Amino acid sequence: SAAQSVARGADGAIQRARFPRRRNWAARILHVLPVTGLAMSLAGDSSVSLTRPWIGLGILFYLPAAGHLEARTLPLERVVGEVIDHDGAASPERGRQLTRSIDTLLVLVAIALVAMVVQF
């Protein structure tokens, strides 16, 4: 919602409130997903073993999601925050770039989630 507010041209005060100058640790919760998933599959029976294709697909989609988060989304978020601090507000185009990056990340996570729910 912070990126969307920038994309919609929110004023500088709203942008500064939504992009505080600190590291985004909440976004990194994504890195806990494979740890918990692997722990659950190792503790389960054969229906959740690592040989099941849906577990492999979940891991397969985690890797590009984590890479995209660290290589594209979080750096872009930092740039938007720096621009807001320096110029008072970021352009709607920067907000749209960040929104697209977040959408890409969410699509990768959603594909993994669907695979986990369907359990083919």
N, C-alpha and C. Protein backbone atom coordinates (compact mmCIF):
# COMPACT_ATOMS: atom_id res chain seq x y z
N SER A 1 0.82 -1.20 0.00
CA SER A 1 0.00 0.00 0.00
C SER A 1 0.87 1.26 0.00
N ALA A 2 2.08 1.15 0.56
CA ALA A 2 2.97 2.31 0.54
C ALA A 2 3.39 2.64 -0.88
N ALA A 3 3.74 1.62 -1.66
CA ALA A 3 4.14 1.84 -3.05
C ALA A 3 2.97 2.38 -3.86
N GLN A 4 1.77 1.88 -3.60
CA GLN A 4 0.60 2.35 -4.32
C GLN A 4 0.29 3.81 -3.99
N SER A 5 0.54 4.21 -2.76
CA SER A 5 0.29 5.61 -2.41
C SER A 5 1.25 6.53 -3.16
N VAL A 6 2.49 6.10 -3.35
CA VAL A 6 3.44 6.89 -4.14
C VAL A 6 2.99 6.90 -5.60
N ALA A 7 2.57 5.76 -6.12
CA ALA A 7 2.12 5.66 -7.51
C ALA A 7 0.90 6.55 -7.76
N ARG A 8 0.10 6.73 -6.75
CA ARG A 8 -1.10 7.58 -6.89
C ARG A 8 -0.81 9.05 -6.64
N GLY A 9 0.44 9.37 -6.32
CA GLY A 9 0.83 10.77 -6.15
C GLY A 9 0.53 11.35 -4.79
N ALA A 10 0.63 10.53 -3.74
CA ALA A 10 0.39 11.03 -2.38
C ALA A 10 1.37 12.15 -2.06
N ASP A 11 0.96 13.03 -1.17
CA ASP A 11 1.84 14.15 -0.82
C ASP A 11 3.03 13.66 0.01
N GLY A 12 4.00 14.53 0.17
CA GLY A 12 5.27 14.18 0.81
C GLY A 12 5.13 13.69 2.23
N ALA A 13 4.20 14.26 3.00
CA ALA A 13 4.03 13.85 4.40
C ALA A 13 3.57 12.40 4.49
N ILE A 14 2.65 12.02 3.63
CA ILE A 14 2.17 10.64 3.62
C ILE A 14 3.28 9.71 3.17
N GLN A 15 4.02 10.10 2.15
CA GLN A 15 5.12 9.27 1.67
C GLN A 15 6.18 9.08 2.75
N ARG A 16 6.54 10.15 3.45
CA ARG A 16 7.54 10.03 4.52
C ARG A 16 7.06 9.11 5.63
N ALA A 17 5.78 9.16 5.94
CA ALA A 17 5.24 8.28 6.99
C ALA A 17 5.26 6.82 6.56
N ARG A 18 5.05 6.58 5.28
CA ARG A 18 4.98 5.19 4.79
C ARG A 18 6.35 4.61 4.43
N PHE A 19 7.36 5.45 4.30
CA PHE A 19 8.72 4.98 3.99
C PHE A 19 9.69 5.50 5.04
N PRO A 20 9.62 4.95 6.27
CA PRO A 20 10.56 5.39 7.30
C PRO A 20 11.97 4.94 6.96
N ARG A 21 12.94 5.65 7.47
CA ARG A 21 14.35 5.35 7.18
C ARG A 21 14.84 4.23 8.10
N ARG A 22 14.48 3.02 7.79
CA ARG A 22 14.99 1.86 8.52
C ARG A 22 14.91 0.64 7.62
N ARG A 23 15.62 -0.38 8.00
CA ARG A 23 15.66 -1.62 7.23
C ARG A 23 14.31 -2.33 7.35
N ASN A 24 13.86 -2.92 6.25
CA ASN A 24 12.57 -3.60 6.22
C ASN A 24 12.77 -5.07 6.61
N TRP A 25 12.73 -5.34 7.90
CA TRP A 25 12.90 -6.70 8.38
C TRP A 25 11.64 -7.54 8.14
N ALA A 26 10.49 -6.91 8.12
CA ALA A 26 9.24 -7.64 7.92
C ALA A 26 9.22 -8.34 6.57
N ALA A 27 9.76 -7.72 5.54
CA ALA A 27 9.78 -8.35 4.22
C ALA A 27 10.65 -9.59 4.20
N ARG A 28 11.62 -9.63 5.06
CA ARG A 28 12.54 -10.77 5.09
C ARG A 28 11.95 -12.01 5.77
N ILE A 29 10.72 -11.91 6.25
CA ILE A 29 10.05 -13.08 6.80
C ILE A 29 9.91 -14.15 5.73
N LEU A 30 9.99 -13.74 4.47
CA LEU A 30 9.94 -14.69 3.35
C LEU A 30 11.02 -15.76 3.51
N HIS A 31 12.14 -15.41 4.10
CA HIS A 31 13.25 -16.35 4.24
C HIS A 31 12.98 -17.43 5.29
N VAL A 32 11.95 -17.26 6.09
CA VAL A 32 11.59 -18.27 7.09
C VAL A 32 10.74 -19.37 6.46
N LEU A 33 10.10 -19.07 5.34
CA LEU A 33 9.21 -20.04 4.70
C LEU A 33 9.88 -21.38 4.39
N PRO A 34 11.04 -21.42 3.75
CA PRO A 34 11.61 -22.75 3.46
C PRO A 34 12.08 -23.47 4.72
N VAL A 35 12.48 -22.73 5.73
CA VAL A 35 12.93 -23.37 6.97
C VAL A 35 11.75 -24.08 7.62
N THR A 36 10.63 -23.39 7.74
CA THR A 36 9.46 -24.01 8.36
C THR A 36 8.91 -25.12 7.47
N GLY A 37 8.92 -24.91 6.16
CA GLY A 37 8.43 -25.95 5.25
C GLY A 37 9.27 -27.20 5.30
N LEU A 38 10.59 -27.04 5.30
CA LEU A 38 11.47 -28.20 5.38
C LEU A 38 11.32 -28.93 6.72
N ALA A 39 11.18 -28.17 7.80
CA ALA A 39 11.00 -28.79 9.11
C ALA A 39 9.72 -29.60 9.15
N MET A 40 8.66 -29.06 8.58
CA MET A 40 7.39 -29.77 8.58
C MET A 40 7.46 -31.02 7.70
N SER A 41 8.11 -30.91 6.53
CA SER A 41 8.17 -32.07 5.66
C SER A 41 9.09 -33.15 6.21
N LEU A 42 10.15 -32.77 6.90
CA LEU A 42 11.04 -33.77 7.50
C LEU A 42 10.38 -34.44 8.70
N ALA A 43 9.49 -33.73 9.37
CA ALA A 43 8.81 -34.30 10.54
C ALA A 43 7.58 -35.11 10.16
N GLY A 44 7.12 -34.98 8.92
CA GLY A 44 5.89 -35.64 8.50
C GLY A 44 6.12 -37.04 7.96
N ASP A 45 5.03 -37.63 7.50
CA ASP A 45 5.12 -38.97 6.91
C ASP A 45 5.40 -38.85 5.41
N SER A 46 5.21 -39.93 4.68
CA SER A 46 5.56 -39.94 3.25
C SER A 46 4.69 -39.01 2.41
N SER A 47 3.53 -38.60 2.92
CA SER A 47 2.68 -37.70 2.13
C SER A 47 3.26 -36.29 2.05
N VAL A 48 4.19 -35.97 2.92
CA VAL A 48 4.85 -34.66 2.88
C VAL A 48 6.37 -34.79 2.79
N SER A 49 6.84 -35.85 2.19
CA SER A 49 8.29 -36.05 2.08
C SER A 49 8.86 -35.14 1.00
N LEU A 50 10.15 -34.98 1.02
CA LEU A 50 10.83 -34.11 0.06
C LEU A 50 10.77 -34.65 -1.36
N THR A 51 10.36 -35.89 -1.52
CA THR A 51 10.25 -36.46 -2.86
C THR A 51 8.96 -36.07 -3.57
N ARG A 52 8.03 -35.46 -2.87
CA ARG A 52 6.76 -35.04 -3.47
C ARG A 52 7.01 -33.85 -4.40
N PRO A 53 6.42 -33.85 -5.60
CA PRO A 53 6.67 -32.77 -6.57
C PRO A 53 6.23 -31.39 -6.08
N TRP A 54 5.17 -31.33 -5.30
CA TRP A 54 4.68 -30.03 -4.88
C TRP A 54 5.62 -29.37 -3.87
N ILE A 55 6.36 -30.16 -3.12
CA ILE A 55 7.36 -29.59 -2.21
C ILE A 55 8.54 -29.06 -3.01
N GLY A 56 8.95 -29.82 -4.01
CA GLY A 56 10.03 -29.35 -4.89
C GLY A 56 9.65 -28.07 -5.62
N LEU A 57 8.39 -28.00 -6.07
CA LEU A 57 7.93 -26.80 -6.76
C LEU A 57 7.90 -25.60 -5.81
N GLY A 58 7.50 -25.84 -4.57
CA GLY A 58 7.51 -24.76 -3.58
C GLY A 58 8.91 -24.23 -3.36
N ILE A 59 9.86 -25.13 -3.24
CA ILE A 59 11.26 -24.71 -3.07
C ILE A 59 11.77 -24.02 -4.33
N LEU A 60 11.40 -24.57 -5.47
CA LEU A 60 11.82 -23.99 -6.74
C LEU A 60 11.33 -22.55 -6.91
N PHE A 61 10.11 -22.26 -6.48
CA PHE A 61 9.60 -20.90 -6.60
C PHE A 61 10.05 -20.00 -5.46
N TYR A 62 10.46 -20.58 -4.33
CA TYR A 62 11.02 -19.76 -3.26
C TYR A 62 12.31 -19.09 -3.71
N LEU A 63 13.15 -19.83 -4.42
CA LEU A 63 14.46 -19.30 -4.80
C LEU A 63 14.37 -18.02 -5.64
N PRO A 64 13.59 -17.98 -6.73
CA PRO A 64 13.49 -16.70 -7.46
C PRO A 64 12.75 -15.63 -6.65
N ALA A 65 11.82 -16.04 -5.80
CA ALA A 65 11.13 -15.04 -4.98
C ALA A 65 12.11 -14.37 -4.02
N ALA A 66 12.94 -15.18 -3.36
CA ALA A 66 13.93 -14.62 -2.43
C ALA A 66 14.95 -13.77 -3.17
N GLY A 67 15.38 -14.25 -4.33
CA GLY A 67 16.32 -13.47 -5.13
C GLY A 67 15.73 -12.15 -5.59
N HIS A 68 14.48 -12.18 -6.03
CA HIS A 68 13.83 -10.95 -6.48
C HIS A 68 13.65 -9.98 -5.31
N LEU A 69 13.29 -10.50 -4.16
CA LEU A 69 13.13 -9.65 -2.97
C LEU A 69 14.43 -8.92 -2.66
N GLU A 70 15.52 -9.67 -2.59
CA GLU A 70 16.80 -9.09 -2.18
C GLU A 70 17.48 -8.28 -3.29
N ALA A 71 17.29 -8.67 -4.55
CA ALA A 71 18.00 -8.01 -5.64
C ALA A 71 17.22 -6.86 -6.26
N ARG A 72 15.91 -6.90 -6.17
CA ARG A 72 15.12 -5.88 -6.87
C ARG A 72 14.19 -5.09 -5.93
N THR A 73 13.35 -5.79 -5.18
CA THR A 73 12.31 -5.10 -4.41
C THR A 73 12.90 -4.26 -3.27
N LEU A 74 13.71 -4.87 -2.41
CA LEU A 74 14.24 -4.11 -1.28
C LEU A 74 15.18 -2.98 -1.70
N PRO A 75 16.06 -3.18 -2.69
CA PRO A 75 16.87 -2.03 -3.13
C PRO A 75 16.00 -0.91 -3.72
N LEU A 76 14.97 -1.27 -4.46
CA LEU A 76 14.08 -0.27 -5.02
C LEU A 76 13.32 0.47 -3.91
N GLU A 77 12.93 -0.26 -2.90
CA GLU A 77 12.27 0.35 -1.75
C GLU A 77 13.20 1.35 -1.06
N ARG A 78 14.48 0.98 -0.91
CA ARG A 78 15.46 1.90 -0.31
C ARG A 78 15.63 3.15 -1.16
N VAL A 79 15.68 2.98 -2.48
CA VAL A 79 15.83 4.14 -3.38
C VAL A 79 14.63 5.07 -3.24
N VAL A 80 13.44 4.50 -3.21
CA VAL A 80 12.24 5.34 -3.05
C VAL A 80 12.31 6.10 -1.73
N GLY A 81 12.71 5.41 -0.65
CA GLY A 81 12.85 6.08 0.64
C GLY A 81 13.89 7.19 0.62
N GLU A 82 15.01 6.95 -0.05
CA GLU A 82 16.04 7.99 -0.15
C GLU A 82 15.56 9.18 -0.96
N VAL A 83 14.85 8.92 -2.04
CA VAL A 83 14.31 10.01 -2.86
C VAL A 83 13.32 10.83 -2.04
N ILE A 84 12.48 10.16 -1.27
CA ILE A 84 11.51 10.87 -0.44
C ILE A 84 12.24 11.73 0.59
N ASP A 85 13.28 11.18 1.22
CA ASP A 85 14.05 11.96 2.19
C ASP A 85 14.73 13.16 1.55
N HIS A 86 15.28 12.96 0.36
CA HIS A 86 16.05 14.03 -0.29
C HIS A 86 15.15 15.07 -0.95
N ASP A 87 14.15 14.61 -1.69
CA ASP A 87 13.32 15.52 -2.48
C ASP A 87 11.98 15.86 -1.85
N GLY A 88 11.62 15.16 -0.78
CA GLY A 88 10.33 15.41 -0.15
C GLY A 88 9.23 14.49 -0.63
N ALA A 89 9.36 13.97 -1.83
CA ALA A 89 8.37 13.03 -2.39
C ALA A 89 9.00 12.32 -3.58
N ALA A 90 8.54 11.11 -3.81
CA ALA A 90 8.99 10.34 -4.97
C ALA A 90 7.96 10.46 -6.08
N SER A 91 8.41 10.27 -7.29
CA SER A 91 7.51 10.37 -8.45
C SER A 91 6.57 9.18 -8.51
N PRO A 92 5.40 9.38 -9.09
CA PRO A 92 4.49 8.24 -9.28
C PRO A 92 5.12 7.09 -10.07
N GLU A 93 6.02 7.40 -11.00
CA GLU A 93 6.68 6.34 -11.78
C GLU A 93 7.51 5.44 -10.87
N ARG A 94 8.21 6.02 -9.90
CA ARG A 94 8.98 5.19 -8.95
C ARG A 94 8.03 4.32 -8.13
N GLY A 95 6.90 4.86 -7.77
CA GLY A 95 5.90 4.07 -7.04
C GLY A 95 5.37 2.92 -7.89
N ARG A 96 5.16 3.17 -9.17
CA ARG A 96 4.70 2.11 -10.07
C ARG A 96 5.77 1.03 -10.24
N GLN A 97 7.04 1.43 -10.32
CA GLN A 97 8.12 0.45 -10.43
C GLN A 97 8.15 -0.45 -9.20
N LEU A 98 8.03 0.16 -8.04
CA LEU A 98 8.05 -0.62 -6.80
C LEU A 98 6.81 -1.51 -6.71
N THR A 99 5.67 -1.02 -7.13
CA THR A 99 4.45 -1.82 -7.12
C THR A 99 4.59 -3.03 -8.05
N ARG A 100 5.15 -2.83 -9.24
CA ARG A 100 5.36 -3.95 -10.17
C ARG A 100 6.32 -4.98 -9.57
N SER A 101 7.35 -4.51 -8.90
CA SER A 101 8.32 -5.42 -8.29
C SER A 101 7.65 -6.24 -7.18
N ILE A 102 6.84 -5.60 -6.37
CA ILE A 102 6.13 -6.31 -5.31
C ILE A 102 5.13 -7.30 -5.91
N ASP A 103 4.45 -6.89 -6.98
CA ASP A 103 3.51 -7.79 -7.64
C ASP A 103 4.22 -9.03 -8.19
N THR A 104 5.40 -8.85 -8.76
CA THR A 104 6.18 -9.99 -9.26
C THR A 104 6.51 -10.94 -8.12
N LEU A 105 6.95 -10.39 -7.02
CA LEU A 105 7.27 -11.19 -5.85
C LEU A 105 6.05 -11.96 -5.36
N LEU A 106 4.91 -11.29 -5.30
CA LEU A 106 3.69 -11.94 -4.82
C LEU A 106 3.21 -13.03 -5.77
N VAL A 107 3.41 -12.85 -7.07
CA VAL A 107 3.03 -13.90 -8.03
C VAL A 107 3.87 -15.15 -7.79
N LEU A 108 5.16 -14.99 -7.58
CA LEU A 108 6.02 -16.14 -7.31
C LEU A 108 5.60 -16.87 -6.04
N VAL A 109 5.29 -16.11 -4.99
CA VAL A 109 4.85 -16.72 -3.74
C VAL A 109 3.48 -17.38 -3.93
N ALA A 110 2.59 -16.76 -4.70
CA ALA A 110 1.26 -17.33 -4.93
C ALA A 110 1.33 -18.64 -5.69
N ILE A 111 2.22 -18.74 -6.66
CA ILE A 111 2.37 -20.00 -7.39
C ILE A 111 2.82 -21.11 -6.45
N ALA A 112 3.77 -20.80 -5.59
CA ALA A 112 4.22 -21.79 -4.61
C ALA A 112 3.08 -22.16 -3.66
N LEU A 113 2.30 -21.18 -3.24
CA LEU A 113 1.18 -21.44 -2.34
C LEU A 113 0.14 -22.34 -2.99
N VAL A 114 -0.20 -22.07 -4.24
CA VAL A 114 -1.17 -22.91 -4.95
C VAL A 114 -0.65 -24.34 -5.05
N ALA A 115 0.63 -24.50 -5.35
CA ALA A 115 1.21 -25.84 -5.42
C ALA A 115 1.11 -26.55 -4.07
N MET A 116 1.33 -25.81 -3.00
CA MET A 116 1.25 -26.40 -1.66
C MET A 116 -0.20 -26.78 -1.30
N VAL A 117 -1.15 -25.98 -1.71
CA VAL A 117 -2.55 -26.25 -1.41
C VAL A 117 -3.07 -27.44 -2.24
N VAL A 118 -2.74 -27.45 -3.53
CA VAL A 118 -3.22 -28.50 -4.41
C VAL A 118 -2.54 -29.83 -4.11
N GLN A 119 -1.28 -29.80 -3.79
CA GLN A 119 -0.48 -31.00 -3.45
C GLN A 119 -0.59 -32.09 -4.49
N PHE A 120 -0.20 -31.78 -5.70
CA PHE A 120 -0.24 -32.77 -6.78
C PHE A 120 0.85 -33.81 -6.61
